[in-house]
Amino acid sequence: MNLKEYMNIRLEEIDNTLENIFDKSSIELENSFIEMLKYPLNAGGKRLRPILTFLACELFNGDYKKAMMPALALELIHTYSLVHDDLPAMDNDDLRRGKPTAHIKYGEANAILIGDGLLTYAFQLLSKTDVKDSILRKLLFELSYASGINGMVMGQFIDLYYEEKDINFDMLKILHSKKTGAMIRGAVRLGAIASENINENDMENITNYGEAVGLAFQIQDDILDVISDNETLGKTVGKDEKDGKLTYVKQLGLEGAKKEAQKVIEKSIEYLKPYKESEAKNILIELANYIIERKS
């Protein structure tokens, strides 16, 4: 099975499961809010993070179904972060995945609540993971670490702090390692933990893979913000330059950024070399290359 085939199968399962994660209420107003929660979840997207969670679990001979709740919990948190990131107080965007952002469709107050709802429900989902309590505690820690003040939230804070200030390249790397990279790093670590078959060396290798893929993802995002268009990318392009943000393209130039992304991806694949040939390993390698080939 190649990456495209794998993603098609897993995406169908992810979307079917997401469609039924919210309990239907007997109160119509509550059902209206549930539809609001589903709006950004159903807007499309690559589901890259849950796919990485499944593959990391399978790399270490785990059952990907054991990783389903952690994977979906991560996707809910990723989606909440997009809803809040698009708010007027943050990046102030009106287009996400080719559709009106949540605050454009439902109003700013409802968009805040949608994000809050997705974030908190993610941990409710995670609590349903069918693993030993000791493993569940590790999953809870990993999810909160990746998405909270040690990861994504701190990255967003740094991004806002430097919005009208000069940021050097070293701080830019820290920003992206948290705002973008932490959730991708968390995705593979969640999958590895859910496999229930992981040692310290394995965790270090898959973590390094995730960090490298996360960095390449951000570099490619910076490239696409320059060379893509709204329809292809599904969001407003050129915002980084308009807002005066330091990016890998601004720092290294377009060709330099492309070379850096390629170098980082080659490094990510090195971390998989210790493992025997398997479908999961081959797809992780293919996925790494896809990161810098994608158009959206």
Protein backbone atom coordinates (compact mmCIF):
# COMPACT_ATOMS: atom_id res chain seq x y z
CA MET A 1 0.00 0.00 0.00
CA ASN A 2 1.36 3.46 -0.87
CA LEU A 3 0.71 6.79 0.89
CA LYS A 4 -2.28 7.76 -1.28
CA GLU A 5 -4.00 4.40 -0.77
CA TYR A 6 -3.25 4.43 2.95
CA MET A 7 -4.57 7.97 3.38
CA ASN A 8 -7.76 7.24 1.43
CA ILE A 9 -8.56 4.28 3.68
CA ARG A 10 -7.67 6.01 6.94
CA LEU A 11 -9.30 9.32 5.98
CA GLU A 12 -12.62 7.60 5.37
CA GLU A 13 -12.39 5.97 8.79
CA ILE A 14 -11.37 9.23 10.47
CA ASP A 15 -14.19 11.19 8.86
CA ASN A 16 -16.79 8.53 9.65
CA THR A 17 -15.70 8.44 13.28
CA LEU A 18 -15.60 12.23 13.58
CA GLU A 19 -19.13 12.45 12.22
CA ASN A 20 -20.42 10.48 15.20
CA ILE A 21 -18.26 11.69 18.09
CA PHE A 22 -20.82 14.15 19.43
CA ASP A 23 -23.87 12.77 21.19
CA LYS A 24 -27.15 14.02 19.74
CA SER A 25 -29.11 16.09 22.23
CA SER A 26 -32.86 16.22 22.86
CA ILE A 27 -32.52 20.02 22.99
CA GLU A 28 -32.54 21.61 19.56
CA LEU A 29 -30.35 24.55 20.61
CA GLU A 30 -27.62 22.17 21.74
CA ASN A 31 -27.82 20.34 18.41
CA SER A 32 -27.36 23.69 16.66
CA PHE A 33 -24.11 24.20 18.54
CA ILE A 34 -22.98 20.67 17.67
CA GLU A 35 -23.45 21.56 13.99
CA MET A 36 -21.25 24.60 14.59
CA LEU A 37 -18.58 22.33 16.10
CA LYS A 38 -18.74 20.10 13.04
CA TYR A 39 -18.34 22.98 10.58
CA PRO A 40 -14.55 23.45 10.89
CA LEU A 41 -14.02 19.71 11.44
CA ASN A 42 -15.82 18.89 8.18
CA ALA A 43 -14.16 21.64 6.17
CA GLY A 44 -11.64 19.19 4.76
CA GLY A 45 -7.94 19.16 5.39
CA LYS A 46 -5.24 16.56 5.00
CA ARG A 47 -5.68 15.00 8.48
CA LEU A 48 -1.89 14.83 8.49
CA ARG A 49 -1.54 14.64 12.27
CA PRO A 50 -3.86 11.65 12.83
CA ILE A 51 -2.27 9.89 9.86
CA LEU A 52 1.13 10.36 11.49
CA THR A 53 -0.26 9.03 14.77
CA PHE A 54 -1.51 5.85 13.08
CA LEU A 55 1.74 5.29 11.19
CA ALA A 56 3.93 5.79 14.26
CA CYS A 57 1.79 3.26 16.13
CA GLU A 58 2.10 0.75 13.29
CA LEU A 59 5.86 1.33 12.92
CA PHE A 60 6.24 -0.18 16.40
CA ASN A 61 3.87 -3.06 15.64
CA GLY A 62 0.89 -1.50 17.39
CA ASP A 63 -2.76 -1.71 16.35
CA TYR A 64 -3.66 1.64 14.77
CA LYS A 65 -7.17 1.33 16.21
CA LYS A 66 -5.65 1.76 19.66
CA ALA A 67 -4.39 5.13 18.41
CA MET A 68 -7.79 6.25 17.06
CA MET A 69 -8.88 8.34 20.07
CA PRO A 70 -5.47 10.02 20.51
CA ALA A 71 -5.43 10.76 16.77
CA LEU A 72 -8.92 12.26 16.79
CA ALA A 73 -8.21 14.21 19.97
CA LEU A 74 -5.19 15.75 18.26
CA GLU A 75 -7.27 16.61 15.19
CA LEU A 76 -9.87 18.35 17.37
CA ILE A 77 -7.16 20.42 19.03
CA HIS A 78 -5.57 21.24 15.68
CA THR A 79 -8.96 22.37 14.38
CA TYR A 80 -9.66 24.50 17.46
CA SER A 81 -6.27 26.16 16.97
CA LEU A 82 -7.20 27.08 13.38
CA VAL A 83 -10.56 28.51 14.49
CA HIS A 84 -8.89 30.70 17.11
CA ASP A 85 -5.91 31.55 14.88
CA ASP A 86 -8.31 32.99 12.28
CA LEU A 87 -10.00 35.32 14.79
CA PRO A 88 -9.69 39.11 14.35
CA ALA A 89 -7.54 39.30 17.49
CA MET A 90 -5.11 36.77 16.04
CA ASP A 91 -4.38 36.41 12.28
CA ASN A 92 -7.73 37.89 11.24
CA ASP A 93 -8.42 35.67 8.27
CA ASP A 94 -11.72 35.06 6.52
CA LEU A 95 -10.79 31.95 4.52
CA ARG A 96 -9.79 28.51 5.77
CA ARG A 97 -9.65 25.32 3.70
CA GLY A 98 -11.43 27.22 0.94
CA LYS A 99 -14.45 28.09 3.12
CA PRO A 100 -15.45 31.08 5.27
CA THR A 101 -13.74 30.90 8.65
CA ALA A 102 -15.86 30.07 11.71
CA HIS A 103 -16.09 33.66 12.92
CA ILE A 104 -17.20 34.83 9.47
CA LYS A 105 -19.93 32.18 9.35
CA TYR A 106 -21.11 32.22 12.97
CA GLY A 107 -19.76 35.39 14.54
CA GLU A 108 -16.72 35.99 16.71
CA ALA A 109 -18.25 34.94 20.05
CA ASN A 110 -19.50 31.64 18.65
CA ALA A 111 -16.13 30.98 17.02
CA ILE A 112 -14.43 31.36 20.40
CA LEU A 113 -16.90 28.90 21.89
CA ILE A 114 -16.41 26.47 19.00
CA GLY A 115 -12.69 26.48 19.69
CA ASP A 116 -13.25 26.06 23.43
CA GLY A 117 -15.63 23.19 22.79
CA LEU A 118 -13.28 21.33 20.47
CA LEU A 119 -10.33 21.76 22.84
CA THR A 120 -12.08 20.42 25.92
CA TYR A 121 -13.89 17.64 24.09
CA ALA A 122 -10.54 16.40 22.79
CA PHE A 123 -9.56 15.29 26.29
CA GLN A 124 -12.94 13.62 26.79
CA LEU A 125 -12.27 11.63 23.62
CA LEU A 126 -8.75 10.76 24.70
CA SER A 127 -10.06 9.36 28.00
CA LYS A 128 -11.87 6.66 25.98
CA THR A 129 -8.61 5.18 24.65
CA ASP A 130 -8.54 1.43 25.26
CA VAL A 131 -5.12 1.15 26.93
CA LYS A 132 -3.74 0.56 30.42
CA ASP A 133 -4.09 3.46 32.87
CA SER A 134 -0.32 3.99 32.89
CA ILE A 135 -0.35 4.40 29.09
CA LEU A 136 -3.38 6.68 29.24
CA ARG A 137 -1.58 9.00 31.67
CA LYS A 138 1.31 9.25 29.21
CA LEU A 139 -1.11 10.05 26.38
CA LEU A 140 -2.82 12.76 28.45
CA PHE A 141 0.53 14.33 29.25
CA GLU A 142 1.70 14.17 25.64
CA LEU A 143 -1.44 15.77 24.23
CA SER A 144 -1.44 18.62 26.76
CA TYR A 145 2.32 19.15 26.35
CA ALA A 146 2.11 19.40 22.56
CA SER A 147 -0.91 21.69 22.50
CA GLY A 148 -0.37 23.83 25.60
CA ILE A 149 2.11 26.29 27.03
CA ASN A 150 5.06 24.04 26.22
CA GLY A 151 4.02 23.77 22.60
CA MET A 152 1.42 25.28 20.31
CA VAL A 153 -0.04 27.90 22.65
CA MET A 154 3.43 29.22 23.48
CA GLY A 155 4.22 29.32 19.78
CA GLN A 156 1.13 31.42 19.15
CA PHE A 157 2.11 33.74 22.00
CA ILE A 158 5.61 34.22 20.56
CA ASP A 159 4.12 34.87 17.12
CA LEU A 160 1.81 37.57 18.46
CA TYR A 161 4.53 39.08 20.66
CA TYR A 162 6.82 39.64 17.68
CA GLU A 163 4.08 40.82 15.33
CA GLU A 164 5.32 44.43 15.31
CA LYS A 165 8.86 43.74 16.49
CA ASP A 166 12.02 42.45 14.86
CA ILE A 167 12.52 38.71 15.31
CA ASN A 168 15.85 37.03 14.64
CA PHE A 169 16.19 33.72 12.83
CA ASP A 170 17.01 31.74 15.98
CA MET A 171 13.77 32.89 17.62
CA LEU A 172 11.88 32.16 14.40
CA LYS A 173 13.06 28.55 14.65
CA ILE A 174 11.84 28.36 18.25
CA LEU A 175 8.50 29.89 17.26
CA HIS A 176 7.90 27.34 14.50
CA SER A 177 9.11 24.40 16.60
CA LYS A 178 6.29 25.23 18.99
CA LYS A 179 3.49 26.73 16.90
CA THR A 180 3.67 24.16 14.08
CA GLY A 181 6.24 21.56 15.03
CA ALA A 182 5.00 20.66 18.52
CA MET A 183 1.74 19.18 17.27
CA ILE A 184 3.45 17.13 14.56
CA ARG A 185 6.03 15.96 17.07
CA GLY A 186 3.15 15.15 19.43
CA ALA A 187 1.35 13.20 16.71
CA VAL A 188 4.12 10.65 16.28
CA ARG A 189 4.81 10.44 20.00
CA LEU A 190 1.13 9.74 20.72
CA GLY A 191 1.16 6.96 18.15
CA ALA A 192 4.34 5.47 19.56
CA ILE A 193 2.92 5.51 23.10
CA ALA A 194 -0.36 3.95 21.93
CA SER A 195 1.59 1.06 20.39
CA GLU A 196 2.46 -0.02 23.96
CA ASN A 197 5.69 -1.37 22.51
CA ILE A 198 8.19 1.49 22.73
CA ASN A 199 11.62 1.97 24.31
CA GLU A 200 13.71 5.11 24.85
CA ASN A 201 15.70 4.75 21.64
CA ASP A 202 12.55 4.25 19.58
CA MET A 203 10.93 7.29 21.17
CA GLU A 204 14.01 9.41 20.46
CA ASN A 205 14.07 8.33 16.80
CA ILE A 206 10.37 8.91 16.15
CA THR A 207 10.52 12.23 18.01
CA ASN A 208 13.43 13.40 15.86
CA TYR A 209 11.53 12.29 12.76
CA GLY A 210 8.47 14.27 13.87
CA GLU A 211 10.48 17.39 14.67
CA ALA A 212 12.18 17.31 11.27
CA VAL A 213 8.91 16.75 9.42
CA GLY A 214 7.32 19.58 11.42
CA LEU A 215 10.12 21.97 10.43
CA ALA A 216 9.89 20.99 6.77
CA PHE A 217 6.12 21.47 6.92
CA GLN A 218 6.58 25.04 8.12
CA ILE A 219 9.24 25.84 5.52
CA GLN A 220 6.91 24.54 2.81
CA ASP A 221 4.09 26.66 4.24
CA ASP A 222 6.34 29.72 3.94
CA ILE A 223 7.12 28.77 0.33
CA LEU A 224 3.47 28.24 -0.56
CA ASP A 225 2.54 31.62 0.97
CA VAL A 226 4.72 33.14 -1.76
CA ILE A 227 4.11 30.94 -4.80
CA SER A 228 0.54 29.64 -4.38
CA ASP A 229 -2.89 31.23 -4.75
CA ASN A 230 -5.99 31.43 -2.54
CA GLU A 231 -7.93 28.76 -4.44
CA THR A 232 -5.12 26.19 -4.41
CA LEU A 233 -3.99 26.87 -0.85
CA GLY A 234 -7.49 27.22 0.59
CA LYS A 235 -6.52 30.30 2.61
CA THR A 236 -5.29 33.81 1.98
CA VAL A 237 -1.79 33.86 0.48
CA GLY A 238 0.77 36.63 0.89
CA LYS A 239 -0.29 37.44 4.45
CA ASP A 240 3.17 36.84 5.91
CA GLU A 241 4.79 39.38 3.61
CA LYS A 242 1.91 41.83 4.06
CA ASP A 243 2.21 41.56 7.84
CA GLY A 244 5.98 41.96 7.67
CA LYS A 245 6.70 38.56 9.25
CA LEU A 246 10.09 36.91 9.08
CA THR A 247 9.83 33.61 7.19
CA TYR A 248 12.24 31.03 5.83
CA VAL A 249 11.73 32.50 2.36
CA LYS A 250 12.51 36.01 3.59
CA GLN A 251 15.59 34.74 5.45
CA LEU A 252 16.97 32.26 2.89
CA GLY A 253 15.32 33.29 -0.38
CA LEU A 254 12.89 31.08 -2.29
CA GLU A 255 15.49 28.67 -3.67
CA GLY A 256 17.35 28.62 -0.36
CA ALA A 257 14.14 27.73 1.49
CA LYS A 258 13.45 24.90 -0.96
CA LYS A 259 16.96 23.51 -0.45
CA GLU A 260 16.60 23.76 3.33
CA ALA A 261 13.27 21.90 3.24
CA GLN A 262 14.85 19.12 1.17
CA LYS A 263 17.80 18.86 3.56
CA VAL A 264 15.50 18.63 6.59
CA ILE A 265 13.38 15.92 4.97
CA GLU A 266 16.44 13.85 4.10
CA LYS A 267 17.46 14.14 7.74
CA SER A 268 14.01 13.03 8.92
CA ILE A 269 14.27 9.84 6.85
CA GLU A 270 17.63 9.03 8.45
CA TYR A 271 15.86 8.51 11.78
CA LEU A 272 13.85 5.64 10.30
CA LYS A 273 16.90 3.68 9.09
CA PRO A 274 17.20 1.50 12.24
CA TYR A 275 13.84 -0.13 11.52
CA LYS A 276 13.21 -3.12 9.31
CA GLU A 277 11.31 -2.70 6.08
CA SER A 278 7.59 -2.45 6.65
CA GLU A 279 4.54 -0.80 5.14
CA ALA A 280 4.46 1.79 7.94
CA LYS A 281 8.14 2.69 7.47
CA ASN A 282 7.80 3.04 3.71
CA ILE A 283 4.72 5.23 4.02
CA LEU A 284 6.40 7.43 6.66
CA ILE A 285 9.24 7.97 4.18
CA GLU A 286 6.77 8.74 1.39
CA LEU A 287 4.86 11.09 3.68
CA ALA A 288 8.05 12.96 4.56
CA ASN A 289 8.70 13.60 0.87
CA TYR A 290 5.06 14.58 0.34
CA ILE A 291 5.45 17.34 2.94
CA ILE A 292 7.69 19.36 0.63
CA GLU A 293 5.90 18.38 -2.57
CA ARG A 294 2.40 19.39 -1.48
CA LYS A 295 0.62 22.34 -3.06
CA SER A 296 -1.73 23.12 -0.18
